[in-house]
Amino acid sequence: MNCTICGLSADNVEDLVAENWTLSFFDENDEHGPLCPACSEILLHMANDGEYELKREYHGKVTFNDQIEYLDDDPLCDIVLGYILN
């Protein structure tokens, strides 16, 4: 399993839980996940309903790995950059 933003990998769900990954979060009405602890700390906040959601300042500025269409189904053909903080 890979972080949906930076691509960091974990071997299984037990590792995700043990390392405090966010298993799912919302970008407005779209659900994504998982998200590594570093990306979670920077990009997410807890909404009033108790769910994690993308901070408003990042709406429309993040490309999630699960939304990328790879050329020829080979992810190594494309270059994917994570978030950039200025």
Protein backbone atom coordinates (compact mmCIF):
# COMPACT_ATOMS: atom_id res chain seq x y z
CA MET A 1 0.00 0.00 0.00
CA ASN A 2 1.24 3.47 -0.89
CA CYS A 3 0.52 6.95 0.41
CA THR A 4 -1.93 8.49 -2.03
CA ILE A 5 0.12 11.71 -2.16
CA CYS A 6 3.84 11.05 -1.68
CA GLY A 7 3.93 7.34 -2.59
CA LEU A 8 5.60 6.11 0.62
CA SER A 9 4.87 2.41 0.96
CA ALA A 10 3.83 0.07 3.75
CA ASP A 11 3.63 -3.70 3.49
CA ASN A 12 0.23 -4.33 5.07
CA VAL A 13 -2.68 -2.83 7.00
CA GLU A 14 -1.12 -3.76 10.34
CA ASP A 15 1.89 -1.57 9.47
CA LEU A 16 -0.42 1.29 8.52
CA VAL A 17 -2.18 1.13 11.87
CA ALA A 18 1.04 0.69 13.87
CA GLU A 19 2.66 3.68 12.14
CA ASN A 20 -0.42 5.95 12.55
CA TRP A 21 -1.34 6.28 8.88
CA THR A 22 -4.69 7.87 8.03
CA LEU A 23 -6.62 5.09 6.31
CA SER A 24 -9.11 7.41 4.59
CA PHE A 25 -9.91 11.10 4.29
CA PHE A 26 -12.14 13.37 2.23
CA ASP A 27 -11.40 16.03 -0.36
CA GLU A 28 -14.83 17.67 -0.37
CA ASN A 29 -17.07 14.70 -1.35
CA ASP A 30 -14.32 12.41 -2.69
CA GLU A 31 -12.80 9.80 -0.38
CA HIS A 32 -9.08 8.95 -0.68
CA GLY A 33 -6.48 7.06 1.27
CA PRO A 34 -4.29 5.86 2.77
CA LEU A 35 -2.11 8.79 3.78
CA CYS A 36 1.25 8.57 5.57
CA PRO A 37 1.73 10.37 8.91
CA ALA A 38 3.88 13.16 7.40
CA CYS A 39 1.34 14.02 4.68
CA SER A 40 -1.51 13.70 7.19
CA GLU A 41 0.08 16.17 9.59
CA ILE A 42 0.57 18.79 6.88
CA LEU A 43 -2.54 18.36 4.73
CA LEU A 44 -5.41 17.15 6.92
CA HIS A 45 -7.61 18.36 9.75
CA MET A 46 -10.47 16.79 11.71
CA ALA A 47 -13.87 17.94 10.45
CA ASN A 48 -16.87 18.61 12.68
CA ASP A 49 -18.29 15.18 11.79
CA GLY A 50 -15.17 13.42 13.13
CA GLU A 51 -13.78 12.51 9.70
CA TYR A 52 -10.42 13.67 8.39
CA GLU A 53 -10.54 16.06 5.47
CA LEU A 54 -8.11 17.96 3.30
CA LYS A 55 -7.43 21.47 4.58
CA ARG A 56 -9.25 24.11 2.57
CA GLU A 57 -6.02 25.76 1.34
CA TYR A 58 -5.10 22.52 -0.49
CA HIS A 59 -8.42 21.97 -2.30
CA GLY A 60 -7.76 21.72 -6.02
CA LYS A 61 -3.98 21.82 -5.54
CA VAL A 62 -3.24 18.15 -4.84
CA THR A 63 -3.09 15.32 -7.35
CA PHE A 64 -3.84 11.99 -5.73
CA ASN A 65 -2.03 8.88 -6.96
CA ASP A 66 -5.34 7.03 -7.28
CA GLN A 67 -6.51 9.65 -9.84
CA ILE A 68 -3.53 9.41 -12.17
CA GLU A 69 -3.99 7.54 -15.43
CA TYR A 70 -0.70 5.91 -16.34
CA LEU A 71 0.51 5.58 -19.91
CA ASP A 72 0.40 1.96 -21.02
CA ASP A 73 -0.50 0.92 -17.43
CA ASP A 74 3.13 1.41 -16.45
CA PRO A 75 3.54 3.87 -13.55
CA LEU A 76 7.25 4.20 -14.30
CA CYS A 77 6.45 5.96 -17.58
CA ASP A 78 5.05 8.99 -15.75
CA ILE A 79 6.71 11.34 -13.31
CA VAL A 80 4.57 12.16 -10.29
CA LEU A 81 5.43 14.99 -7.95
CA GLY A 82 3.90 15.29 -4.51
CA TYR A 83 2.93 18.54 -2.88
CA ILE A 84 5.24 21.55 -2.89
CA LEU A 85 5.23 23.99 0.02
CA ASN A 86 6.50 27.49 -0.68
